[in-house]
Each structure stands twice: as structure tokens, then as C-alpha cells.
C-alpha atoms as a PDB file:
ATOM      1  CA  MET A   1     -13.404 -46.163  30.276  1.00  0.00           C
ATOM      2  CA  VAL A   2     -14.504 -42.721  28.790  1.00  0.00           C
ATOM      3  CA  ARG A   3     -13.512 -41.911  25.268  1.00  0.00           C
ATOM      4  CA  VAL A   4     -11.631 -38.514  25.132  1.00  0.00           C
ATOM      5  CA  THR A   5     -12.174 -36.526  22.024  1.00  0.00           C
ATOM      6  CA  ASN A   6     -10.686 -33.113  20.939  1.00  0.00           C
ATOM      7  CA  TRP A   7     -14.256 -31.956  20.062  1.00  0.00           C
ATOM      8  CA  LEU A   8     -14.398 -28.734  21.883  1.00  0.00           C
ATOM      9  CA  GLN A   9     -10.972 -27.376  20.751  1.00  0.00           C
ATOM     10  CA  ARG A  10     -11.569 -28.572  17.260  1.00  0.00           C
ATOM     11  CA  GLN A  11     -14.857 -26.825  17.164  1.00  0.00           C
ATOM     12  CA  ARG A  12     -13.441 -23.479  18.480  1.00  0.00           C
ATOM     13  CA  ARG A  13     -10.491 -23.592  15.885  1.00  0.00           C
ATOM     14  CA  HIS A  14     -12.950 -24.341  12.902  1.00  0.00           C
ATOM     15  CA  LYS A  15     -15.375 -21.684  14.110  1.00  0.00           C
ATOM     16  CA  LYS A  16     -12.514 -19.104  14.185  1.00  0.00           C
ATOM     17  CA  PHE A  17     -11.343 -19.985  10.476  1.00  0.00           C
ATOM     18  CA  ILE A  18     -15.075 -20.045   9.396  1.00  0.00           C
ATOM     19  CA  ALA A  19     -15.636 -16.563  10.911  1.00  0.00           C
ATOM     20  CA  GLN A  20     -12.829 -15.149   8.806  1.00  0.00           C
ATOM     21  CA  ALA A  21     -14.212 -16.681   5.749  1.00  0.00           C
ATOM     22  CA  SER A  22     -17.552 -14.873   5.930  1.00  0.00           C
ATOM     23  CA  GLY A  23     -18.449 -13.342   2.605  1.00  0.00           C
ATOM     24  CA  PHE A  24     -16.811 -16.029   0.562  1.00  0.00           C
ATOM     25  CA  ARG A  25     -19.110 -17.956  -1.740  1.00  0.00           C
ATOM     26  CA  LEU A  26     -20.336 -21.532  -1.968  1.00  0.00           C
ATOM     27  CA  GLY A  27     -18.348 -24.198   0.153  1.00  0.00           C
ATOM     28  CA  ARG A  28     -15.499 -21.748   0.646  1.00  0.00           C
ATOM     29  CA  LYS A  29     -17.552 -19.992   3.415  1.00  0.00           C
ATOM     30  CA  ASN A  30     -18.841 -23.054   5.505  1.00  0.00           C
ATOM     31  CA  LEU A  31     -16.674 -26.220   4.631  1.00  0.00           C
ATOM     32  CA  TYR A  32     -13.638 -26.187   6.819  1.00  0.00           C
ATOM     33  CA  LYS A  33     -11.224 -27.761   4.379  1.00  0.00           C
ATOM     34  CA  GLN A  34     -12.089 -25.341   1.530  1.00  0.00           C
ATOM     35  CA  VAL A  35     -12.203 -22.463   4.071  1.00  0.00           C
ATOM     36  CA  ARG A  36      -8.694 -23.079   5.193  1.00  0.00           C
ATOM     37  CA  LEU A  37      -7.450 -23.352   1.606  1.00  0.00           C
ATOM     38  CA  ALA A  38      -9.235 -20.225   0.662  1.00  0.00           C
ATOM     39  CA  LEU A  39      -7.862 -18.385   3.683  1.00  0.00           C
ATOM     40  CA  VAL A  40      -4.370 -19.428   3.030  1.00  0.00           C
ATOM     41  CA  LYS A  41      -4.705 -17.991  -0.715  1.00  0.00           C
ATOM     42  CA  GLN A  42      -6.172 -14.937   0.708  1.00  0.00           C
ATOM     43  CA  TRP A  43      -3.323 -14.331   3.191  1.00  0.00           C
ATOM     44  CA  GLN A  44      -0.836 -14.666   0.212  1.00  0.00           C
ATOM     45  CA  HIS A  45      -2.880 -12.160  -1.803  1.00  0.00           C
ATOM     46  CA  ALA A  46      -2.929  -9.616   1.231  1.00  0.00           C
ATOM     47  CA  TYR A  47       0.800 -10.166   1.785  1.00  0.00           C
ATOM     48  CA  VAL A  48       1.654  -9.347  -1.720  1.00  0.00           C
ATOM     49  CA  SER A  49      -0.895  -6.461  -1.882  1.00  0.00           C
ATOM     50  CA  ARG A  50       0.569  -4.720   1.011  1.00  0.00           C
ATOM     51  CA  ARG A  51       3.831  -4.399  -0.881  1.00  0.00           C
ATOM     52  CA  LEU A  52       2.042  -3.418  -4.238  1.00  0.00           C
ATOM     53  CA  LYS A  53       0.329  -0.723  -2.331  1.00  0.00           C
ATOM     54  CA  LYS A  54       3.679   0.993  -1.369  1.00  0.00           C
ATOM     55  CA  ARG A  55       4.617   0.535  -5.151  1.00  0.00           C
ATOM     56  CA  ASP A  56       1.482   2.239  -6.209  1.00  0.00           C
ATOM     57  CA  PHE A  57       1.716   5.112  -3.759  1.00  0.00           C
ATOM     58  CA  ARG A  58       5.152   5.963  -4.817  1.00  0.00           C
ATOM     59  CA  ARG A  59       4.154   5.905  -8.520  1.00  0.00           C
ATOM     60  CA  LEU A  60       1.298   8.414  -7.483  1.00  0.00           C
ATOM     61  CA  TRP A  61       3.622  10.719  -5.873  1.00  0.00           C
ATOM     62  CA  ILE A  62       6.144  10.700  -8.794  1.00  0.00           C
ATOM     63  CA  GLU A  63       3.354  11.420 -11.193  1.00  0.00           C
ATOM     64  CA  ARG A  64       2.017  14.465  -9.108  1.00  0.00           C
ATOM     65  CA  LEU A  65       5.504  15.794  -8.647  1.00  0.00           C
ATOM     66  CA  SER A  66       6.345  15.365 -12.417  1.00  0.00           C
ATOM     67  CA  ALA A  67       3.060  17.169 -13.411  1.00  0.00           C
ATOM     68  CA  ALA A  68       3.912  20.136 -11.048  1.00  0.00           C
ATOM     69  CA  VAL A  69       7.506  20.376 -12.181  1.00  0.00           C
ATOM     70  CA  ARG A  70       6.364  20.096 -15.897  1.00  0.00           C
ATOM     71  CA  GLU A  71       4.079  23.144 -15.507  1.00  0.00           C
ATOM     72  CA  LYS A  72       7.289  25.111 -14.821  1.00  0.00           C
ATOM     73  CA  GLY A  73       9.008  23.801 -17.902  1.00  0.00           C
ATOM     74  CA  TRP A  74      11.397  21.188 -16.404  1.00  0.00           C
ATOM     75  CA  LYS A  75      11.561  17.624 -16.369  1.00  0.00           C
ATOM     76  CA  TYR A  76      11.041  15.339 -13.350  1.00  0.00           C
ATOM     77  CA  SER A  77      14.452  13.766 -13.367  1.00  0.00           C
ATOM     78  CA  ALA A  78      16.401  16.911 -13.773  1.00  0.00           C
ATOM     79  CA  PHE A  79      14.355  18.470 -10.794  1.00  0.00           C
ATOM     80  CA  VAL A  80      15.122  15.578  -8.452  1.00  0.00           C
ATOM     81  CA  ASN A  81      18.930  15.736  -9.682  1.00  0.00           C
ATOM     82  CA  ALA A  82      18.968  19.368  -8.733  1.00  0.00           C
ATOM     83  CA  MET A  83      17.374  18.551  -5.352  1.00  0.00           C
ATOM     84  CA  TYR A  84      20.159  15.895  -4.689  1.00  0.00           C
ATOM     85  CA  LYS A  85      22.954  18.357  -5.865  1.00  0.00           C
ATOM     86  CA  LYS A  86      21.611  21.073  -3.373  1.00  0.00           C
ATOM     87  CA  ASP A  87      21.451  18.294  -0.597  1.00  0.00           C
ATOM     88  CA  ILE A  88      17.708  18.674  -0.092  1.00  0.00           C
ATOM     89  CA  LYS A  89      16.344  15.556   1.641  1.00  0.00           C
ATOM     90  CA  LEU A  90      12.615  15.666   1.127  1.00  0.00           C
ATOM     91  CA  ASP A  91      10.985  12.410  -0.134  1.00  0.00           C
ATOM     92  CA  ARG A  92       8.619  12.285  -2.908  1.00  0.00           C
ATOM     93  CA  LYS A  93       5.400  11.895  -0.650  1.00  0.00           C
ATOM     94  CA  VAL A  94       6.311  15.155   0.984  1.00  0.00           C
ATOM     95  CA  LEU A  95       7.077  17.031  -2.096  1.00  0.00           C
ATOM     96  CA  SER A  96       3.956  15.785  -3.875  1.00  0.00           C
ATOM     97  CA  ASN A  97       1.899  16.829  -0.916  1.00  0.00           C
ATOM     98  CA  ILE A  98       3.431  20.193  -0.903  1.00  0.00           C
ATOM     99  CA  ALA A  99       2.827  20.627  -4.812  1.00  0.00           C
ATOM    100  CA  VAL A 100      -0.738  19.710  -4.409  1.00  0.00           C
ATOM    101  CA  ALA A 101      -1.911  21.431  -1.191  1.00  0.00           C
ATOM    102  CA  PHE A 102       0.476  24.454  -1.174  1.00  0.00           C
ATOM    103  CA  PRO A 103       1.360  25.569  -4.736  1.00  0.00           C
ATOM    104  CA  VAL A 104       2.720  28.840  -3.670  1.00  0.00           C
ATOM    105  CA  VAL A 105       5.237  27.238  -1.154  1.00  0.00           C
ATOM    106  CA  PHE A 106       6.134  24.731  -3.991  1.00  0.00           C
ATOM    107  CA  ASP A 107       6.785  27.551  -6.476  1.00  0.00           C
ATOM    108  CA  LYS A 108       9.044  29.095  -3.911  1.00  0.00           C
ATOM    109  CA  MET A 109      10.899  25.868  -3.271  1.00  0.00           C
ATOM    110  CA  TYR A 110      11.261  25.255  -7.083  1.00  0.00           C
ATOM    111  CA  GLU A 111      12.721  28.668  -7.585  1.00  0.00           C
ATOM    112  CA  ASP A 112      15.203  28.079  -4.705  1.00  0.00           C
ATOM    113  CA  ILE A 113      16.125  24.658  -6.111  1.00  0.00           C
ATOM    114  CA  ILE A 114      16.747  25.642  -9.761  1.00  0.00           C
ATOM    115  CA  LYS A 115      18.962  28.635  -8.955  1.00  0.00           C
END
């Protein structure tokens, strides 16, 4: 009678997890149980950070847009309100990119919006 083990599959699974933990310190890089726990924690942080990244970029776009509008003597909230009243549907990302990369175009847009 031959004893059947799951050695090869287990080794491959462990190797896959340990490869993902390269760069970790101490036992978190080569002891499977610690590696698994460290990776679960890492995945949780990655999940949260993907959402925080979106929040941070939106904050950056609003700051850029606010600075561009404030140079003209208006407030950001009044500018956005005027845009909504004129039914201009450009998001903050596009507006901030225009304000930074093409200030002449932004000046023209600003004049059209506040009139």
C-alpha cells in the first residue's frame, strides 16, 4: 500500500504565496503561515488604498481648479454653481487639466461661464 500525500500541490501553493511576499521582513517572507497572514493584511490595505487614491485625486483636482478660479477673483463653489446653472458638464479632472495645461483656453471658458 502506498501512502498518498498532497505534497506537490501544497508545495506549489506555498511557493506561489511566498513569491508574493518577497520583500517582506523576517518570517513574513518565508514562513508560510506568517506569509499568508501578511498577504491577507496587504490585500486589505491595497483594497482600501485603491479607494483612497480616487479621493486624493479628486481633492487635487479641486485644489487646482480652486487656485485657477481664485486668481480670477471668484470662489470655487460659486464657479461650480455657475457651471451647473449654464448646464456645462465637465468634470473636475478635465477642468483642472485645462486650467493647468491650457490657461488661455481656461480664461476663455471662465469668461463664458461667468457671463
